[in-house]
Amino acid sequence: MNSTLVDLNELSTMLGRSPETIKKDLKRNRLAVPPRLHIPGTRLLRWRQIDIDRWLASHVESQVEVSK
């Protein structure tokens, strides 16, 4: 199991989105970002790599081949 932790800047780079947009989406549209890891007693924004990978995989659009 990949338990690597990813911070906000790393997630931003992975998704091609600004850290500010990700922070806003955490409040207004939680489905627009991978599930966040909550570390009790902190306000750190961290994600597990495995959760990011699963979230990305769940958002892959299937390609339907159109015959001519």
Protein backbone atom coordinates (compact mmCIF):
# COMPACT_ATOMS: atom_id res chain seq x y z
CA MET A 1 0.00 0.00 0.00
CA ASN A 2 1.36 3.42 -0.96
CA SER A 3 1.13 5.57 2.15
CA THR A 4 3.09 8.52 0.75
CA LEU A 5 1.67 11.85 1.88
CA VAL A 6 1.22 14.69 -0.61
CA ASP A 7 1.03 18.36 0.37
CA LEU A 8 -1.01 21.12 -1.25
CA ASN A 9 1.74 22.26 -3.63
CA GLU A 10 2.42 18.71 -4.82
CA LEU A 11 -1.30 18.09 -5.39
CA SER A 12 -1.52 21.38 -7.24
CA THR A 13 1.25 20.30 -9.59
CA MET A 14 -0.32 16.86 -10.13
CA LEU A 15 -3.74 18.31 -11.00
CA GLY A 16 -2.52 21.37 -12.90
CA ARG A 17 -4.58 23.65 -10.65
CA SER A 18 -3.55 26.45 -8.34
CA PRO A 19 -3.31 25.83 -4.60
CA GLU A 20 -5.89 28.59 -4.08
CA THR A 21 -8.40 26.83 -6.33
CA ILE A 22 -7.89 23.56 -4.48
CA LYS A 23 -8.45 25.31 -1.13
CA LYS A 24 -11.65 26.90 -2.44
CA ASP A 25 -12.88 23.56 -3.77
CA LEU A 26 -12.33 21.96 -0.36
CA LYS A 27 -15.00 24.33 0.95
CA ARG A 28 -17.39 24.73 -1.97
CA ASN A 29 -17.11 21.54 -4.03
CA ARG A 30 -15.46 18.62 -2.25
CA LEU A 31 -16.04 16.29 -5.19
CA ALA A 32 -13.70 18.44 -7.30
CA VAL A 33 -10.67 17.33 -5.27
CA PRO A 34 -9.38 14.01 -3.94
CA PRO A 35 -10.43 13.09 -0.39
CA ARG A 36 -8.24 14.87 2.13
CA LEU A 37 -6.43 13.21 5.02
CA HIS A 38 -7.48 14.77 8.32
CA ILE A 39 -4.69 14.69 10.91
CA PRO A 40 -6.27 15.35 14.33
CA GLY A 41 -5.02 18.45 16.09
CA THR A 42 -3.61 20.06 12.95
CA ARG A 43 -4.77 22.19 10.07
CA LEU A 44 -2.33 20.59 7.64
CA LEU A 45 -3.62 19.91 4.15
CA ARG A 46 -2.38 16.45 3.22
CA TRP A 47 -3.52 13.70 0.90
CA ARG A 48 -2.49 10.06 0.63
CA GLN A 49 -1.08 9.16 -2.78
CA ILE A 50 -3.28 6.05 -2.90
CA ASP A 51 -6.42 8.18 -2.44
CA ILE A 52 -5.30 10.56 -5.19
CA ASP A 53 -4.66 7.64 -7.55
CA ARG A 54 -8.08 6.12 -6.83
CA TRP A 55 -9.82 9.48 -7.21
CA LEU A 56 -8.13 10.09 -10.57
CA ALA A 57 -8.97 6.56 -11.76
CA SER A 58 -12.62 7.09 -10.87
CA HIS A 59 -12.73 10.17 -13.10
CA VAL A 60 -11.38 8.60 -16.28
CA GLU A 61 -13.90 8.90 -19.07
CA SER A 62 -14.34 5.77 -21.11
CA GLN A 63 -13.69 6.27 -24.75
CA VAL A 64 -16.43 5.01 -27.02
CA GLU A 65 -15.29 4.22 -30.51
CA VAL A 66 -17.59 5.71 -33.10
CA SER A 67 -17.87 3.70 -36.33
CA LYS A 68 -18.31 5.57 -39.59
